[in-house]
C-alpha atoms as a PDB file:
ATOM      1  CA  UNK A   1     163.662   0.048 -78.841  1.00  0.00           C
ATOM      2  CA  UNK A   2     159.954  -0.388 -78.140  1.00  0.00           C
ATOM      3  CA  UNK A   3     158.437   2.721 -76.580  1.00  0.00           C
ATOM      4  CA  UNK A   4     154.991   2.410 -75.027  1.00  0.00           C
ATOM      5  CA  UNK A   5     152.743   5.421 -75.008  1.00  0.00           C
ATOM      6  CA  UNK A   6     151.228   6.626 -71.759  1.00  0.00           C
ATOM      7  CA  UNK A   7     148.236   4.316 -71.789  1.00  0.00           C
ATOM      8  CA  UNK A   8     146.306   2.923 -68.842  1.00  0.00           C
ATOM      9  CA  UNK A   9     144.458  -0.386 -68.688  1.00  0.00           C
ATOM     10  CA  UNK A  10     140.735  -0.006 -67.916  1.00  0.00           C
ATOM     11  CA  UNK A  11     139.046  -3.124 -66.554  1.00  0.00           C
ATOM     12  CA  UNK A  12     135.411  -3.435 -65.585  1.00  0.00           C
ATOM     13  CA  UNK A  13     132.557  -5.942 -65.380  1.00  0.00           C
ATOM     14  CA  UNK A  14     129.663  -6.107 -67.844  1.00  0.00           C
ATOM     15  CA  UNK A  15     129.266  -2.333 -68.093  1.00  0.00           C
ATOM     16  CA  UNK A  16     130.890  -1.722 -71.457  1.00  0.00           C
ATOM     17  CA  UNK A  17     128.897  -2.208 -74.635  1.00  0.00           C
ATOM     18  CA  UNK A  18     128.611  -2.681 -77.462  1.00  0.00           C
ATOM     19  CA  UNK A  19     131.171  -5.402 -78.277  1.00  0.00           C
ATOM     20  CA  UNK A  20     134.073  -4.654 -75.926  1.00  0.00           C
ATOM     21  CA  UNK A  21     137.158  -6.853 -76.271  1.00  0.00           C
ATOM     22  CA  UNK A  22     137.709  -9.402 -73.462  1.00  0.00           C
ATOM     23  CA  UNK A  23     140.983  -9.292 -71.548  1.00  0.00           C
ATOM     24  CA  UNK A  24     143.377 -12.124 -72.495  1.00  0.00           C
ATOM     25  CA  UNK A  25     142.564 -15.362 -70.696  1.00  0.00           C
ATOM     26  CA  UNK A  26     146.008 -15.518 -69.075  1.00  0.00           C
ATOM     27  CA  UNK A  27     145.814 -11.980 -67.732  1.00  0.00           C
ATOM     28  CA  UNK A  28     144.394 -12.991 -64.398  1.00  0.00           C
ATOM     29  CA  UNK A  29     141.983 -10.066 -64.569  1.00  0.00           C
ATOM     30  CA  UNK A  30     138.838 -12.161 -64.329  1.00  0.00           C
ATOM     31  CA  UNK A  31     135.979 -11.499 -66.729  1.00  0.00           C
ATOM     32  CA  UNK A  32     136.849  -7.859 -67.313  1.00  0.00           C
ATOM     33  CA  UNK A  33     136.429  -5.982 -70.573  1.00  0.00           C
ATOM     34  CA  UNK A  34     138.269  -3.158 -72.261  1.00  0.00           C
ATOM     35  CA  UNK A  35     137.287  -0.787 -75.024  1.00  0.00           C
ATOM     36  CA  UNK A  36     138.783  -1.669 -78.418  1.00  0.00           C
ATOM     37  CA  UNK A  37     141.592   0.652 -79.493  1.00  0.00           C
ATOM     38  CA  UNK A  38     141.426   1.866 -83.109  1.00  0.00           C
ATOM     39  CA  UNK A  39     144.584   1.213 -85.088  1.00  0.00           C
ATOM     40  CA  UNK A  40     146.533   4.249 -86.167  1.00  0.00           C
ATOM     41  CA  UNK A  41     147.537   4.551 -89.796  1.00  0.00           C
ATOM     42  CA  UNK A  42     151.293   4.797 -90.327  1.00  0.00           C
ATOM     43  CA  UNK A  43     152.691   7.825 -92.110  1.00  0.00           C
ATOM     44  CA  UNK A  44     154.735   5.728 -94.491  1.00  0.00           C
ATOM     45  CA  UNK A  45     156.288   8.764 -96.138  1.00  0.00           C
ATOM     46  CA  UNK A  46     157.808   9.805 -92.817  1.00  0.00           C
ATOM     47  CA  UNK A  47     159.206   6.351 -92.062  1.00  0.00           C
ATOM     48  CA  UNK A  48     160.618   6.144 -95.585  1.00  0.00           C
ATOM     49  CA  UNK A  49     162.150   9.630 -95.415  1.00  0.00           C
ATOM     50  CA  UNK A  50     163.855   8.943 -92.077  1.00  0.00           C
ATOM     51  CA  UNK A  51     165.160   5.613 -93.345  1.00  0.00           C
ATOM     52  CA  UNK A  52     166.571   7.162 -96.541  1.00  0.00           C
ATOM     53  CA  UNK A  53     168.230   9.982 -94.574  1.00  0.00           C
ATOM     54  CA  UNK A  54     169.727   7.442 -92.181  1.00  0.00           C
ATOM     55  CA  UNK A  55     170.938   5.365 -95.118  1.00  0.00           C
ATOM     56  CA  UNK A  56     172.700   8.447 -96.499  1.00  0.00           C
ATOM     57  CA  UNK A  57     174.301   9.469 -93.188  1.00  0.00           C
ATOM     58  CA  UNK A  58     175.442   5.931 -92.331  1.00  0.00           C
ATOM     59  CA  UNK A  59     176.823   5.460 -95.837  1.00  0.00           C
ATOM     60  CA  UNK A  60     178.751   8.732 -95.582  1.00  0.00           C
ATOM     61  CA  UNK A  61     180.111   7.697 -92.181  1.00  0.00           C
ATOM     62  CA  UNK A  62     181.014   4.284 -93.572  1.00  0.00           C
ATOM     63  CA  UNK A  63     182.805   5.823 -96.547  1.00  0.00           C
ATOM     64  CA  UNK A  64     184.940   7.959 -94.215  1.00  0.00           C
ATOM     65  CA  UNK A  65     185.773   4.895 -92.118  1.00  0.00           C
ATOM     66  CA  UNK A  66     186.633   2.812 -95.178  1.00  0.00           C
ATOM     67  CA  UNK A  67     188.965   5.487 -96.559  1.00  0.00           C
ATOM     68  CA  UNK A  68     190.828   5.658 -93.243  1.00  0.00           C
ATOM     69  CA  UNK A  69     190.901   1.854 -93.072  1.00  0.00           C
ATOM     70  CA  UNK A  70     192.366   1.595 -96.574  1.00  0.00           C
ATOM     71  CA  UNK A  71     195.137   4.078 -95.673  1.00  0.00           C
ATOM     72  CA  UNK A  72     195.816   2.499 -92.242  1.00  0.00           C
ATOM     73  CA  UNK A  73     194.888   5.782 -90.527  1.00  0.00           C
ATOM     74  CA  UNK A  74     193.305   5.728 -87.056  1.00  0.00           C
ATOM     75  CA  UNK A  75     189.810   7.082 -86.576  1.00  0.00           C
ATOM     76  CA  UNK A  76     189.696  10.884 -86.665  1.00  0.00           C
ATOM     77  CA  UNK A  77     186.452  12.794 -86.090  1.00  0.00           C
ATOM     78  CA  UNK A  78     187.446  15.915 -88.040  1.00  0.00           C
ATOM     79  CA  UNK A  79     188.728  13.943 -91.006  1.00  0.00           C
ATOM     80  CA  UNK A  80     185.827  11.510 -90.956  1.00  0.00           C
ATOM     81  CA  UNK A  81     182.843  13.820 -90.469  1.00  0.00           C
ATOM     82  CA  UNK A  82     183.968  17.370 -91.232  1.00  0.00           C
ATOM     83  CA  UNK A  83     186.103  16.936 -94.318  1.00  0.00           C
ATOM     84  CA  UNK A  84     184.417  13.801 -95.620  1.00  0.00           C
ATOM     85  CA  UNK A  85     181.000  15.333 -96.316  1.00  0.00           C
ATOM     86  CA  UNK A  86     182.290  18.100 -98.647  1.00  0.00           C
ATOM     87  CA  UNK A  87     184.470  15.538-100.438  1.00  0.00           C
ATOM     88  CA  UNK A  88     181.531  13.166-100.906  1.00  0.00           C
ATOM     89  CA  UNK A  89     179.404  16.046-102.200  1.00  0.00           C
ATOM     90  CA  UNK A  90     181.857  16.525-105.050  1.00  0.00           C
ATOM     91  CA  UNK A  91     182.598  12.792-105.456  1.00  0.00           C
ATOM     92  CA  UNK A  92     179.260  11.018-104.821  1.00  0.00           C
ATOM     93  CA  UNK A  93     180.631   7.741-106.200  1.00  0.00           C
ATOM     94  CA  UNK A  94     182.709   7.598-103.028  1.00  0.00           C
ATOM     95  CA  UNK A  95     179.534   6.692-101.149  1.00  0.00           C
ATOM     96  CA  UNK A  96     179.893   3.171-102.531  1.00  0.00           C
ATOM     97  CA  UNK A  97     182.765   2.708-100.093  1.00  0.00           C
ATOM     98  CA  UNK A  98     180.349   3.186 -97.206  1.00  0.00           C
ATOM     99  CA  UNK A  99     177.754   0.601 -98.181  1.00  0.00           C
ATOM    100  CA  UNK A 100     179.332  -2.331 -96.274  1.00  0.00           C
ATOM    101  CA  UNK A 101     179.080  -0.309 -93.053  1.00  0.00           C
ATOM    102  CA  UNK A 102     175.656   1.221 -93.660  1.00  0.00           C
ATOM    103  CA  UNK A 103     173.914  -1.908 -94.952  1.00  0.00           C
ATOM    104  CA  UNK A 104     175.310  -4.000 -92.117  1.00  0.00           C
ATOM    105  CA  UNK A 105     174.265  -1.499 -89.464  1.00  0.00           C
ATOM    106  CA  UNK A 106     170.795  -0.921 -90.926  1.00  0.00           C
ATOM    107  CA  UNK A 107     170.238  -4.678 -91.222  1.00  0.00           C
ATOM    108  CA  UNK A 108     170.981  -5.047 -87.488  1.00  0.00           C
ATOM    109  CA  UNK A 109     168.730  -2.124 -86.546  1.00  0.00           C
ATOM    110  CA  UNK A 110     165.935  -3.328 -88.846  1.00  0.00           C
ATOM    111  CA  UNK A 111     166.114  -6.814 -87.348  1.00  0.00           C
ATOM    112  CA  UNK A 112     165.868  -5.332 -83.854  1.00  0.00           C
ATOM    113  CA  UNK A 113     162.909  -3.080 -84.597  1.00  0.00           C
ATOM    114  CA  UNK A 114     161.000  -5.589 -86.703  1.00  0.00           C
ATOM    115  CA  UNK A 115     161.492  -8.126 -83.931  1.00  0.00           C
ATOM    116  CA  UNK A 116     159.460  -5.760 -81.737  1.00  0.00           C
ATOM    117  CA  UNK A 117     157.013  -4.979 -84.540  1.00  0.00           C
ATOM    118  CA  UNK A 118     156.228  -8.602 -85.455  1.00  0.00           C
ATOM    119  CA  UNK A 119     155.871  -9.602 -81.810  1.00  0.00           C
ATOM    120  CA  UNK A 120     153.420  -6.731 -81.329  1.00  0.00           C
ATOM    121  CA  UNK A 121     151.418  -7.825 -84.375  1.00  0.00           C
ATOM    122  CA  UNK A 122     151.367 -11.416 -83.088  1.00  0.00           C
ATOM    123  CA  UNK A 123     149.804 -10.216 -79.834  1.00  0.00           C
ATOM    124  CA  UNK A 124     147.367  -7.848 -81.667  1.00  0.00           C
ATOM    125  CA  UNK A 125     149.066  -4.766 -80.260  1.00  0.00           C
ATOM    126  CA  UNK A 126     149.022  -1.637 -82.410  1.00  0.00           C
ATOM    127  CA  UNK A 127     152.635  -0.632 -83.120  1.00  0.00           C
ATOM    128  CA  UNK A 128     154.181   1.771 -85.587  1.00  0.00           C
ATOM    129  CA  UNK A 129     156.729   0.969 -88.240  1.00  0.00           C
ATOM    130  CA  UNK A 130     160.319   1.820 -87.204  1.00  0.00           C
ATOM    131  CA  UNK A 131     161.402   5.441 -86.896  1.00  0.00           C
ATOM    132  CA  UNK A 132     165.093   5.840 -87.805  1.00  0.00           C
ATOM    133  CA  UNK A 133     167.111   8.723 -86.386  1.00  0.00           C
ATOM    134  CA  UNK A 134     169.936   9.983 -88.653  1.00  0.00           C
ATOM    135  CA  UNK A 135     173.091  11.509 -87.205  1.00  0.00           C
ATOM    136  CA  UNK A 136     176.348  12.879 -88.631  1.00  0.00           C
ATOM    137  CA  UNK A 137     178.325  10.888 -86.022  1.00  0.00           C
ATOM    138  CA  UNK A 138     178.407   7.167 -86.890  1.00  0.00           C
ATOM    139  CA  UNK A 139     175.416   7.870 -89.125  1.00  0.00           C
ATOM    140  CA  UNK A 140     172.548   7.222 -86.710  1.00  0.00           C
ATOM    141  CA  UNK A 141     171.249   7.570 -83.174  1.00  0.00           C
ATOM    142  CA  UNK A 142     169.347   4.304 -83.615  1.00  0.00           C
ATOM    143  CA  UNK A 143     165.696   3.537 -84.257  1.00  0.00           C
ATOM    144  CA  UNK A 144     162.492   2.871 -82.343  1.00  0.00           C
ATOM    145  CA  UNK A 145     158.897   1.817 -82.755  1.00  0.00           C
ATOM    146  CA  UNK A 146     155.960   3.301 -80.884  1.00  0.00           C
ATOM    147  CA  UNK A 147     153.403   1.062 -79.197  1.00  0.00           C
ATOM    148  CA  UNK A 148     150.077   2.845 -79.579  1.00  0.00           C
ATOM    149  CA  UNK A 149     147.622   0.575 -77.775  1.00  0.00           C
ATOM    150  CA  UNK A 150     147.493  -1.128 -74.380  1.00  0.00           C
ATOM    151  CA  UNK A 151     149.357  -4.361 -73.694  1.00  0.00           C
ATOM    152  CA  UNK A 152     147.049  -6.554 -71.644  1.00  0.00           C
ATOM    153  CA  UNK A 153     149.337  -9.351 -70.447  1.00  0.00           C
ATOM    154  CA  UNK A 154     152.847  -9.743 -69.078  1.00  0.00           C
ATOM    155  CA  UNK A 155     153.370 -12.474 -71.657  1.00  0.00           C
ATOM    156  CA  UNK A 156     152.811 -10.033 -74.507  1.00  0.00           C
ATOM    157  CA  UNK A 157     154.947  -7.356 -72.824  1.00  0.00           C
ATOM    158  CA  UNK A 158     157.814  -9.802 -72.390  1.00  0.00           C
ATOM    159  CA  UNK A 159     157.611 -11.086 -75.965  1.00  0.00           C
ATOM    160  CA  UNK A 160     157.594  -7.574 -77.420  1.00  0.00           C
ATOM    161  CA  UNK A 161     160.427  -6.432 -75.163  1.00  0.00           C
ATOM    162  CA  UNK A 162     162.797  -9.338 -75.736  1.00  0.00           C
ATOM    163  CA  UNK A 163     162.172 -10.019 -79.423  1.00  0.00           C
ATOM    164  CA  UNK A 164     164.081  -6.935 -80.589  1.00  0.00           C
ATOM    165  CA  UNK A 165     167.382  -7.566 -78.745  1.00  0.00           C
ATOM    166  CA  UNK A 166     167.398 -11.250 -79.710  1.00  0.00           C
ATOM    167  CA  UNK A 167     166.661 -10.545 -83.388  1.00  0.00           C
ATOM    168  CA  UNK A 168     169.337  -7.851 -83.548  1.00  0.00           C
ATOM    169  CA  UNK A 169     171.822 -10.106 -81.733  1.00  0.00           C
ATOM    170  CA  UNK A 170     171.267 -12.883 -84.269  1.00  0.00           C
ATOM    171  CA  UNK A 171     172.138 -10.475 -87.079  1.00  0.00           C
ATOM    172  CA  UNK A 172     175.140  -8.840 -85.421  1.00  0.00           C
ATOM    173  CA  UNK A 173     176.927 -12.116 -84.611  1.00  0.00           C
ATOM    174  CA  UNK A 174     177.785 -13.040 -88.239  1.00  0.00           C
ATOM    175  CA  UNK A 175     178.492  -9.377 -89.033  1.00  0.00           C
ATOM    176  CA  UNK A 176     180.978  -9.209 -86.171  1.00  0.00           C
ATOM    177  CA  UNK A 177     182.734 -12.436 -87.151  1.00  0.00           C
ATOM    178  CA  UNK A 178     182.986 -11.456 -90.828  1.00  0.00           C
ATOM    179  CA  UNK A 179     184.131  -7.934 -89.960  1.00  0.00           C
ATOM    180  CA  UNK A 180     186.871  -9.195 -87.642  1.00  0.00           C
ATOM    181  CA  UNK A 181     188.022 -11.641 -90.335  1.00  0.00           C
ATOM    182  CA  UNK A 182     188.547  -8.660 -92.675  1.00  0.00           C
ATOM    183  CA  UNK A 183     190.193  -6.519 -89.982  1.00  0.00           C
ATOM    184  CA  UNK A 184     193.888  -5.631 -89.961  1.00  0.00           C
ATOM    185  CA  UNK A 185     196.633  -6.240 -87.412  1.00  0.00           C
ATOM    186  CA  UNK A 186     198.572  -2.998 -86.847  1.00  0.00           C
ATOM    187  CA  UNK A 187     200.526  -2.604 -83.575  1.00  0.00           C
ATOM    188  CA  UNK A 188     198.807  -0.166 -81.205  1.00  0.00           C
ATOM    189  CA  UNK A 189     196.252   1.068 -83.778  1.00  0.00           C
ATOM    190  CA  UNK A 190     193.234   0.648 -81.493  1.00  0.00           C
ATOM    191  CA  UNK A 191     194.652   3.160 -78.994  1.00  0.00           C
ATOM    192  CA  UNK A 192     195.374   5.844 -81.583  1.00  0.00           C
ATOM    193  CA  UNK A 193     193.148   8.569 -83.012  1.00  0.00           C
ATOM    194  CA  UNK A 194     190.798  11.129 -81.464  1.00  0.00           C
ATOM    195  CA  UNK A 195     188.340   8.514 -80.188  1.00  0.00           C
ATOM    196  CA  UNK A 196     189.119   5.136 -78.671  1.00  0.00           C
ATOM    197  CA  UNK A 197     186.253   2.655 -78.800  1.00  0.00           C
ATOM    198  CA  UNK A 198     185.620   0.263 -75.934  1.00  0.00           C
ATOM    199  CA  UNK A 199     185.848  -3.478 -76.404  1.00  0.00           C
ATOM    200  CA  UNK A 200     182.741  -5.375 -75.295  1.00  0.00           C
ATOM    201  CA  UNK A 201     183.232  -8.963 -74.059  1.00  0.00           C
ATOM    202  CA  UNK A 202     181.465 -10.339 -77.141  1.00  0.00           C
ATOM    203  CA  UNK A 203     183.913  -8.592 -79.472  1.00  0.00           C
ATOM    204  CA  UNK A 204     186.945  -9.774 -77.509  1.00  0.00           C
ATOM    205  CA  UNK A 205     185.602 -13.331 -77.494  1.00  0.00           C
ATOM    206  CA  UNK A 206     185.152 -13.210 -81.267  1.00  0.00           C
ATOM    207  CA  UNK A 207     188.655 -11.773 -81.681  1.00  0.00           C
ATOM    208  CA  UNK A 208     190.072 -14.701 -79.727  1.00  0.00           C
ATOM    209  CA  UNK A 209     188.283 -17.084 -82.093  1.00  0.00           C
ATOM    210  CA  UNK A 210     189.048 -15.357 -85.409  1.00  0.00           C
ATOM    211  CA  UNK A 211     192.460 -13.815 -84.595  1.00  0.00           C
ATOM    212  CA  UNK A 212     193.862 -16.015 -81.792  1.00  0.00           C
ATOM    213  CA  UNK A 213     196.775 -14.563 -79.870  1.00  0.00           C
ATOM    214  CA  UNK A 214     196.372 -11.050 -81.282  1.00  0.00           C
ATOM    215  CA  UNK A 215     196.288  -8.249 -78.662  1.00  0.00           C
ATOM    216  CA  UNK A 216     193.111  -6.173 -78.782  1.00  0.00           C
ATOM    217  CA  UNK A 217     195.150  -2.971 -79.153  1.00  0.00           C
ATOM    218  CA  UNK A 218     196.642  -4.278 -82.420  1.00  0.00           C
ATOM    219  CA  UNK A 219     193.325  -4.972 -84.191  1.00  0.00           C
ATOM    220  CA  UNK A 220     192.030  -2.328 -86.591  1.00  0.00           C
ATOM    221  CA  UNK A 221     188.355  -3.172 -87.024  1.00  0.00           C
ATOM    222  CA  UNK A 222     186.943  -3.283 -90.535  1.00  0.00           C
ATOM    223  CA  UNK A 223     183.886  -0.995 -91.012  1.00  0.00           C
ATOM    224  CA  UNK A 224     181.619  -4.073 -91.051  1.00  0.00           C
ATOM    225  CA  UNK A 225     182.910  -5.009 -87.600  1.00  0.00           C
ATOM    226  CA  UNK A 226     182.462  -1.392 -86.512  1.00  0.00           C
ATOM    227  CA  UNK A 227     178.819  -1.575 -87.631  1.00  0.00           C
ATOM    228  CA  UNK A 228     178.438  -4.675 -85.464  1.00  0.00           C
ATOM    229  CA  UNK A 229     180.046  -2.716 -82.605  1.00  0.00           C
ATOM    230  CA  UNK A 230     177.350  -0.044 -82.929  1.00  0.00           C
ATOM    231  CA  UNK A 231     174.740  -2.810 -82.843  1.00  0.00           C
ATOM    232  CA  UNK A 232     176.352  -4.255 -79.705  1.00  0.00           C
ATOM    233  CA  UNK A 233     176.351  -0.836 -78.028  1.00  0.00           C
ATOM    234  CA  UNK A 234     172.685  -0.139 -78.800  1.00  0.00           C
ATOM    235  CA  UNK A 235     171.729  -3.643 -77.646  1.00  0.00           C
ATOM    236  CA  UNK A 236     173.414  -3.040 -74.283  1.00  0.00           C
ATOM    237  CA  UNK A 237     171.674   0.315 -73.831  1.00  0.00           C
ATOM    238  CA  UNK A 238     168.276  -1.135 -74.715  1.00  0.00           C
ATOM    239  CA  UNK A 239     168.699  -4.048 -72.303  1.00  0.00           C
ATOM    240  CA  UNK A 240     169.357  -1.815 -69.294  1.00  0.00           C
ATOM    241  CA  UNK A 241     166.613  -2.928 -66.852  1.00  0.00           C
ATOM    242  CA  UNK A 242     165.197   0.565 -66.445  1.00  0.00           C
ATOM    243  CA  UNK A 243     161.853   2.225 -67.183  1.00  0.00           C
ATOM    244  CA  UNK A 244     160.452   1.591 -70.651  1.00  0.00           C
ATOM    245  CA  UNK A 245     163.673   0.374 -72.245  1.00  0.00           C
ATOM    246  CA  UNK A 246     163.521  -3.180 -73.554  1.00  0.00           C
ATOM    247  CA  UNK A 247     165.216  -4.374 -70.385  1.00  0.00           C
ATOM    248  CA  UNK A 248     162.682  -2.420 -68.348  1.00  0.00           C
ATOM    249  CA  UNK A 249     159.797  -4.195 -70.089  1.00  0.00           C
ATOM    250  CA  UNK A 250     161.438  -7.560 -69.397  1.00  0.00           C
ATOM    251  CA  UNK A 251     161.968  -6.564 -65.756  1.00  0.00           C
ATOM    252  CA  UNK A 252     158.315  -5.480 -65.393  1.00  0.00           C
ATOM    253  CA  UNK A 253     157.014  -8.734 -66.872  1.00  0.00           C
ATOM    254  CA  UNK A 254     158.709 -10.671 -64.059  1.00  0.00           C
ATOM    255  CA  UNK A 255     158.584  -8.171 -61.175  1.00  0.00           C
ATOM    256  CA  UNK A 256     155.819  -5.602 -61.790  1.00  0.00           C
ATOM    257  CA  UNK A 257     155.610  -4.465 -58.163  1.00  0.00           C
ATOM    258  CA  UNK A 258     159.385  -4.017 -57.885  1.00  0.00           C
ATOM    259  CA  UNK A 259     159.922  -2.400 -61.270  1.00  0.00           C
ATOM    260  CA  UNK A 260     159.959   1.228 -60.103  1.00  0.00           C
ATOM    261  CA  UNK A 261     162.419   0.683 -57.268  1.00  0.00           C
ATOM    262  CA  UNK A 262     164.632  -1.638 -59.319  1.00  0.00           C
ATOM    263  CA  UNK A 263     164.715   0.890 -62.168  1.00  0.00           C
ATOM    264  CA  UNK A 264     165.814   3.660 -59.836  1.00  0.00           C
ATOM    265  CA  UNK A 265     168.492   1.482 -58.256  1.00  0.00           C
ATOM    266  CA  UNK A 266     169.850   0.476 -61.662  1.00  0.00           C
ATOM    267  CA  UNK A 267     169.861   4.107 -62.827  1.00  0.00           C
ATOM    268  CA  UNK A 268     171.708   5.142 -59.670  1.00  0.00           C
ATOM    269  CA  UNK A 269     174.297   2.425 -60.302  1.00  0.00           C
ATOM    270  CA  UNK A 270     175.167   4.163 -63.565  1.00  0.00           C
ATOM    271  CA  UNK A 271     176.477   7.206 -61.683  1.00  0.00           C
ATOM    272  CA  UNK A 272     179.747   5.577 -60.516  1.00  0.00           C
ATOM    273  CA  UNK A 273     180.396   4.580 -64.137  1.00  0.00           C
ATOM    274  CA  UNK A 274     180.916   8.250 -64.993  1.00  0.00           C
ATOM    275  CA  UNK A 275     184.498   7.598 -63.868  1.00  0.00           C
ATOM    276  CA  UNK A 276     184.889   5.621 -67.110  1.00  0.00           C
ATOM    277  CA  UNK A 277     182.530   7.602 -69.399  1.00  0.00           C
ATOM    278  CA  UNK A 278     180.984  10.954 -68.471  1.00  0.00           C
ATOM    279  CA  UNK A 279     177.880  10.337 -70.635  1.00  0.00           C
ATOM    280  CA  UNK A 280     176.668   7.793 -68.075  1.00  0.00           C
ATOM    281  CA  UNK A 281     175.781  10.776 -65.865  1.00  0.00           C
ATOM    282  CA  UNK A 282     173.290  12.002 -68.470  1.00  0.00           C
ATOM    283  CA  UNK A 283     171.836   8.518 -68.823  1.00  0.00           C
ATOM    284  CA  UNK A 284     171.549   8.130 -65.058  1.00  0.00           C
ATOM    285  CA  UNK A 285     169.742  11.453 -64.629  1.00  0.00           C
ATOM    286  CA  UNK A 286     167.385  10.763 -67.529  1.00  0.00           C
ATOM    287  CA  UNK A 287     166.673   7.222 -66.411  1.00  0.00           C
ATOM    288  CA  UNK A 288     166.099   8.252 -62.793  1.00  0.00           C
ATOM    289  CA  UNK A 289     163.253  10.407 -64.116  1.00  0.00           C
ATOM    290  CA  UNK A 290     161.887   8.040 -66.753  1.00  0.00           C
ATOM    291  CA  UNK A 291     162.473   4.908 -64.723  1.00  0.00           C
ATOM    292  CA  UNK A 292     159.809   5.754 -62.187  1.00  0.00           C
ATOM    293  CA  UNK A 293     156.968   5.076 -64.630  1.00  0.00           C
ATOM    294  CA  UNK A 294     155.690   2.076 -66.535  1.00  0.00           C
ATOM    295  CA  UNK A 295     152.159   1.499 -67.853  1.00  0.00           C
ATOM    296  CA  UNK A 296     150.204  -0.715 -65.464  1.00  0.00           C
ATOM    297  CA  UNK A 297     149.267  -4.238 -66.559  1.00  0.00           C
ATOM    298  CA  UNK A 298     146.668  -6.115 -64.495  1.00  0.00           C
ATOM    299  CA  UNK A 299     147.961  -9.666 -64.792  1.00  0.00           C
ATOM    300  CA  UNK A 300     148.594 -12.212 -62.022  1.00  0.00           C
ATOM    301  CA  UNK A 301     149.652 -15.066 -64.301  1.00  0.00           C
ATOM    302  CA  UNK A 302     153.162 -16.461 -63.833  1.00  0.00           C
ATOM    303  CA  UNK A 303     155.681 -16.459 -66.644  1.00  0.00           C
ATOM    304  CA  UNK A 304     156.301 -19.791 -68.357  1.00  0.00           C
ATOM    305  CA  UNK A 305     159.565 -21.691 -67.903  1.00  0.00           C
ATOM    306  CA  UNK A 306     160.450 -20.993 -71.540  1.00  0.00           C
ATOM    307  CA  UNK A 307     160.152 -17.254 -71.023  1.00  0.00           C
ATOM    308  CA  UNK A 308     162.164 -17.479 -67.819  1.00  0.00           C
ATOM    309  CA  UNK A 309     164.963 -19.102 -69.817  1.00  0.00           C
ATOM    310  CA  UNK A 310     164.734 -16.350 -72.423  1.00  0.00           C
ATOM    311  CA  UNK A 311     164.949 -13.831 -69.596  1.00  0.00           C
ATOM    312  CA  UNK A 312     168.274 -15.339 -68.521  1.00  0.00           C
ATOM    313  CA  UNK A 313     169.359 -15.255 -72.172  1.00  0.00           C
ATOM    314  CA  UNK A 314     168.648 -11.510 -72.194  1.00  0.00           C
ATOM    315  CA  UNK A 315     170.861 -11.127 -69.100  1.00  0.00           C
ATOM    316  CA  UNK A 316     173.662 -13.047 -70.851  1.00  0.00           C
ATOM    317  CA  UNK A 317     173.371 -10.893 -73.994  1.00  0.00           C
ATOM    318  CA  UNK A 318     173.482  -7.739 -71.867  1.00  0.00           C
ATOM    319  CA  UNK A 319     176.656  -8.879 -70.080  1.00  0.00           C
ATOM    320  CA  UNK A 320     178.308  -9.786 -73.394  1.00  0.00           C
ATOM    321  CA  UNK A 321     177.481  -6.370 -74.889  1.00  0.00           C
ATOM    322  CA  UNK A 322     177.938  -3.948 -71.989  1.00  0.00           C
ATOM    323  CA  UNK A 323     181.008  -1.673 -71.779  1.00  0.00           C
ATOM    324  CA  UNK A 324     182.065   0.554 -68.892  1.00  0.00           C
ATOM    325  CA  UNK A 325     183.692   3.012 -71.321  1.00  0.00           C
ATOM    326  CA  UNK A 326     182.117   2.754 -74.799  1.00  0.00           C
ATOM    327  CA  UNK A 327     184.107   5.753 -76.094  1.00  0.00           C
ATOM    328  CA  UNK A 328     187.076   7.676 -74.681  1.00  0.00           C
ATOM    329  CA  UNK A 329     189.360  10.418 -75.937  1.00  0.00           C
ATOM    330  CA  UNK A 330     192.625   9.392 -77.544  1.00  0.00           C
END
């Protein structure tokens, strides 16, 4: 996820000196100037610490999943995340079991965040290195970068917004296919356990290709496929066309004057989905508040045909990844 700080574009005539930076030629802002923004130095120790902690938590989660997978046991929260951590403390070599899950998931998240980061660098936008967020449940709450300087053109905003989801999607596709190939067929296993995970269209499509004729309820996903599932879920959330989510940036780059209203409408549409998953209510409330704001970009240039095609690609990826009920109780 690319999060933009609360900056505001300042455009003027020849007033600013010395050596202001000119606005990008395609910005449509005339011959305006803006003050240069000093680049912020990254606290590499913090990024490294968060990454290492997330590596540990995802590896522990992966080890618990792998042990259940090896014993043909359905997913159980207490067994996976309450009992597993004390066991791993006394048997640290057991963490090796979790590496397929953790390395797959972190590769997908790194691809997503560095897609944003490299696009920001290409457009000379100051952006932080990724911040990872560890969690005892599934190992992580995701990652994000922070954009610390203004974005002067819709072209740059679009490129930064869409690069992350596409990069992550490219990485999760082979992970999903390989993980499904190593999955097991056990009658009714997917509907057993404390938590039942939703099946996004992309996963079901891949199951039809790799395991043709197998009912979805009979497929026990390998931890590598489960890591891809987490990547699919985070991609769908990020591509919601609301506020300053990746989808919100893409929406703003095409429809800046309609962004606020469209964000609120999309957030409101999440409320009926609470019938399938109660957490959508929290997302809807949060997004109704956050969706009303986006940093202003003074840019009248039209988006190129290539970027319009990529915009439709983002819509297709969102539809392939979105689930009405990502998680339900067994």
